[in-house]
Amino acid sequence: MPRLPRLSGREVVRVFESLGWEKARQSGSHIILVREGHQATLSVPDHKEVASGTLRSLIRSAGLTVEGFAKAAQ
C-alpha cells in the first residue's frame, strides 16, 4: 500500500481542486468542497498537517485511490 503524503489542509484542498472539486464555503476550521454530480461533500480540516486516517477517508469519499491522489499531489 502506498504511503500517503504529509500535507496541510490547504495543500489537500489544492489537490482536490485540481481533480475537479470546488470550494463551497469555510465553516470554522473546516473547508467544505463539493463537486458537480457527486453526492458527497468533503470537509477538509484547515490544520498544519491532516492526519493520515482523515486523509484516507477523504480520498475514499471522493471515489479516488491513494495512488491517484498521490499522483495528483506531485
N, C-alpha and C. Protein backbone atom coordinates (compact mmCIF):
# COMPACT_ATOMS: atom_id res chain seq x y z
N MET A 1 0.84 -1.17 0.00
CA MET A 1 0.00 0.00 0.00
C MET A 1 0.89 1.24 0.00
N PRO A 2 0.64 2.20 -0.88
CA PRO A 2 1.49 3.39 -0.97
C PRO A 2 1.32 4.28 0.26
N ARG A 3 2.37 4.98 0.57
CA ARG A 3 2.33 5.90 1.70
C ARG A 3 1.64 7.19 1.28
N LEU A 4 0.88 7.73 2.22
CA LEU A 4 0.21 8.99 1.96
C LEU A 4 1.19 10.14 2.14
N PRO A 5 1.10 11.15 1.30
CA PRO A 5 1.96 12.32 1.50
C PRO A 5 1.51 13.10 2.74
N ARG A 6 2.43 13.74 3.42
CA ARG A 6 2.12 14.60 4.57
C ARG A 6 1.78 15.97 4.02
N LEU A 7 0.51 16.37 4.15
CA LEU A 7 0.06 17.63 3.57
C LEU A 7 -0.73 18.44 4.59
N SER A 8 -0.70 19.75 4.42
CA SER A 8 -1.54 20.61 5.25
C SER A 8 -2.95 20.61 4.66
N GLY A 9 -3.88 21.16 5.40
CA GLY A 9 -5.26 21.22 4.92
C GLY A 9 -5.40 21.99 3.62
N ARG A 10 -4.69 23.10 3.52
CA ARG A 10 -4.77 23.91 2.31
C ARG A 10 -4.14 23.20 1.11
N GLU A 11 -3.08 22.42 1.35
CA GLU A 11 -2.47 21.65 0.26
C GLU A 11 -3.43 20.55 -0.20
N VAL A 12 -4.13 19.93 0.73
CA VAL A 12 -5.12 18.90 0.38
C VAL A 12 -6.22 19.53 -0.47
N VAL A 13 -6.68 20.71 -0.10
CA VAL A 13 -7.72 21.41 -0.87
C VAL A 13 -7.22 21.69 -2.28
N ARG A 14 -5.96 22.13 -2.44
CA ARG A 14 -5.40 22.40 -3.76
C ARG A 14 -5.40 21.15 -4.64
N VAL A 15 -5.06 20.00 -4.04
CA VAL A 15 -5.03 18.75 -4.81
C VAL A 15 -6.45 18.39 -5.25
N PHE A 16 -7.42 18.48 -4.34
CA PHE A 16 -8.79 18.15 -4.71
C PHE A 16 -9.34 19.14 -5.75
N GLU A 17 -8.95 20.41 -5.67
CA GLU A 17 -9.38 21.39 -6.68
C GLU A 17 -8.81 21.03 -8.04
N SER A 18 -7.59 20.51 -8.08
CA SER A 18 -7.01 20.11 -9.36
C SER A 18 -7.73 18.88 -9.93
N LEU A 19 -8.45 18.16 -9.08
CA LEU A 19 -9.20 16.98 -9.51
C LEU A 19 -10.67 17.29 -9.78
N GLY A 20 -11.05 18.58 -9.78
CA GLY A 20 -12.41 18.95 -10.15
C GLY A 20 -13.32 19.34 -9.01
N TRP A 21 -12.85 19.31 -7.77
CA TRP A 21 -13.67 19.72 -6.63
C TRP A 21 -13.58 21.23 -6.49
N GLU A 22 -14.65 21.84 -5.94
CA GLU A 22 -14.69 23.30 -5.77
C GLU A 22 -14.93 23.64 -4.30
N LYS A 23 -14.31 24.72 -3.87
CA LYS A 23 -14.50 25.19 -2.50
C LYS A 23 -15.89 25.84 -2.41
N ALA A 24 -16.76 25.30 -1.56
CA ALA A 24 -18.10 25.83 -1.42
C ALA A 24 -18.15 26.90 -0.33
N ARG A 25 -17.50 26.59 0.80
CA ARG A 25 -17.51 27.53 1.93
C ARG A 25 -16.48 27.07 2.95
N GLN A 26 -16.27 27.90 3.95
CA GLN A 26 -15.43 27.51 5.07
C GLN A 26 -16.23 27.72 6.33
N SER A 27 -16.32 26.68 7.13
CA SER A 27 -17.06 26.74 8.38
C SER A 27 -16.07 26.51 9.52
N GLY A 28 -15.67 27.58 10.17
CA GLY A 28 -14.68 27.46 11.24
C GLY A 28 -13.34 27.02 10.67
N SER A 29 -12.82 25.91 11.18
CA SER A 29 -11.52 25.43 10.71
C SER A 29 -11.65 24.32 9.68
N HIS A 30 -12.82 24.19 9.06
CA HIS A 30 -13.03 23.16 8.05
C HIS A 30 -13.43 23.80 6.72
N ILE A 31 -12.80 23.34 5.64
CA ILE A 31 -13.10 23.83 4.29
C ILE A 31 -13.98 22.78 3.64
N ILE A 32 -15.14 23.20 3.14
CA ILE A 32 -16.11 22.30 2.55
C ILE A 32 -15.96 22.33 1.03
N LEU A 33 -15.77 21.14 0.43
CA LEU A 33 -15.61 21.01 -1.02
C LEU A 33 -16.80 20.25 -1.60
N VAL A 34 -17.23 20.67 -2.78
CA VAL A 34 -18.32 19.99 -3.49
C VAL A 34 -17.88 19.73 -4.92
N ARG A 35 -18.59 18.81 -5.56
CA ARG A 35 -18.31 18.51 -6.96
C ARG A 35 -19.63 18.23 -7.67
N GLU A 36 -19.77 18.82 -8.83
CA GLU A 36 -20.98 18.63 -9.65
C GLU A 36 -21.17 17.15 -9.95
N GLY A 37 -22.36 16.63 -9.69
CA GLY A 37 -22.66 15.23 -9.99
C GLY A 37 -22.18 14.25 -8.94
N HIS A 38 -21.63 14.74 -7.83
CA HIS A 38 -21.14 13.88 -6.77
C HIS A 38 -21.92 14.20 -5.51
N GLN A 39 -22.54 13.20 -4.92
CA GLN A 39 -23.43 13.45 -3.80
C GLN A 39 -22.69 13.83 -2.51
N ALA A 40 -21.51 13.29 -2.31
CA ALA A 40 -20.76 13.55 -1.08
C ALA A 40 -20.14 14.94 -1.10
N THR A 41 -19.99 15.52 0.09
CA THR A 41 -19.20 16.73 0.26
C THR A 41 -17.97 16.34 1.08
N LEU A 42 -16.89 17.06 0.88
CA LEU A 42 -15.66 16.78 1.61
C LEU A 42 -15.42 17.91 2.61
N SER A 43 -15.15 17.56 3.84
CA SER A 43 -14.86 18.53 4.89
C SER A 43 -13.40 18.37 5.28
N VAL A 44 -12.57 19.27 4.76
CA VAL A 44 -11.12 19.19 4.96
C VAL A 44 -10.74 20.09 6.13
N PRO A 45 -10.11 19.53 7.18
CA PRO A 45 -9.67 20.38 8.29
C PRO A 45 -8.53 21.28 7.86
N ASP A 46 -8.60 22.54 8.22
CA ASP A 46 -7.57 23.51 7.87
C ASP A 46 -6.50 23.50 8.96
N HIS A 47 -5.74 22.39 9.01
CA HIS A 47 -4.69 22.20 10.01
C HIS A 47 -3.33 22.23 9.35
N LYS A 48 -2.28 22.32 10.15
CA LYS A 48 -0.92 22.31 9.60
C LYS A 48 -0.61 20.98 8.94
N GLU A 49 -1.16 19.89 9.48
CA GLU A 49 -0.97 18.58 8.89
C GLU A 49 -2.25 17.77 9.08
N VAL A 50 -2.79 17.25 7.99
CA VAL A 50 -4.01 16.43 8.05
C VAL A 50 -3.60 15.02 8.44
N ALA A 51 -4.29 14.45 9.42
CA ALA A 51 -3.99 13.10 9.89
C ALA A 51 -4.18 12.10 8.76
N SER A 52 -3.38 11.05 8.76
CA SER A 52 -3.41 10.08 7.66
C SER A 52 -4.76 9.38 7.56
N GLY A 53 -5.40 9.06 8.67
CA GLY A 53 -6.71 8.42 8.64
C GLY A 53 -7.77 9.34 8.06
N THR A 54 -7.69 10.62 8.41
CA THR A 54 -8.63 11.61 7.87
C THR A 54 -8.43 11.76 6.37
N LEU A 55 -7.18 11.83 5.93
CA LEU A 55 -6.89 11.97 4.51
C LEU A 55 -7.36 10.75 3.73
N ARG A 56 -7.13 9.56 4.29
CA ARG A 56 -7.59 8.32 3.65
C ARG A 56 -9.11 8.31 3.50
N SER A 57 -9.81 8.78 4.53
CA SER A 57 -11.27 8.85 4.50
C SER A 57 -11.75 9.84 3.43
N LEU A 58 -11.09 10.99 3.32
CA LEU A 58 -11.45 11.98 2.30
C LEU A 58 -11.24 11.41 0.90
N ILE A 59 -10.14 10.70 0.70
CA ILE A 59 -9.84 10.11 -0.60
C ILE A 59 -10.91 9.09 -0.96
N ARG A 60 -11.29 8.26 0.01
CA ARG A 60 -12.32 7.24 -0.22
C ARG A 60 -13.67 7.89 -0.54
N SER A 61 -14.03 8.95 0.21
CA SER A 61 -15.30 9.64 -0.02
C SER A 61 -15.35 10.29 -1.40
N ALA A 62 -14.19 10.71 -1.90
CA ALA A 62 -14.12 11.34 -3.21
C ALA A 62 -14.14 10.32 -4.34
N GLY A 63 -14.07 9.03 -4.00
CA GLY A 63 -14.09 7.99 -5.03
C GLY A 63 -12.75 7.81 -5.71
N LEU A 64 -11.68 8.15 -5.01
CA LEU A 64 -10.33 8.04 -5.56
C LEU A 64 -9.58 6.90 -4.90
N THR A 65 -8.42 6.61 -5.45
CA THR A 65 -7.49 5.68 -4.82
C THR A 65 -6.34 6.49 -4.23
N VAL A 66 -5.64 5.88 -3.30
CA VAL A 66 -4.48 6.55 -2.70
C VAL A 66 -3.44 6.83 -3.78
N GLU A 67 -3.27 5.89 -4.71
CA GLU A 67 -2.31 6.09 -5.79
C GLU A 67 -2.69 7.29 -6.66
N GLY A 68 -3.98 7.39 -6.99
CA GLY A 68 -4.44 8.50 -7.82
C GLY A 68 -4.27 9.85 -7.12
N PHE A 69 -4.56 9.87 -5.83
CA PHE A 69 -4.40 11.11 -5.07
C PHE A 69 -2.92 11.50 -4.98
N ALA A 70 -2.07 10.51 -4.67
CA ALA A 70 -0.63 10.78 -4.53
C ALA A 70 -0.04 11.29 -5.85
N LYS A 71 -0.51 10.74 -6.95
CA LYS A 71 -0.03 11.18 -8.26
C LYS A 71 -0.45 12.63 -8.53
N ALA A 72 -1.69 12.98 -8.16
CA ALA A 72 -2.18 14.34 -8.36
C ALA A 72 -1.48 15.32 -7.42
N ALA A 73 -1.00 14.84 -6.28
CA ALA A 73 -0.34 15.71 -5.30
C ALA A 73 1.08 16.07 -5.73
N GLN A 74 1.65 15.35 -6.67
CA GLN A 74 3.03 15.63 -7.09
C GLN A 74 3.12 16.82 -7.99
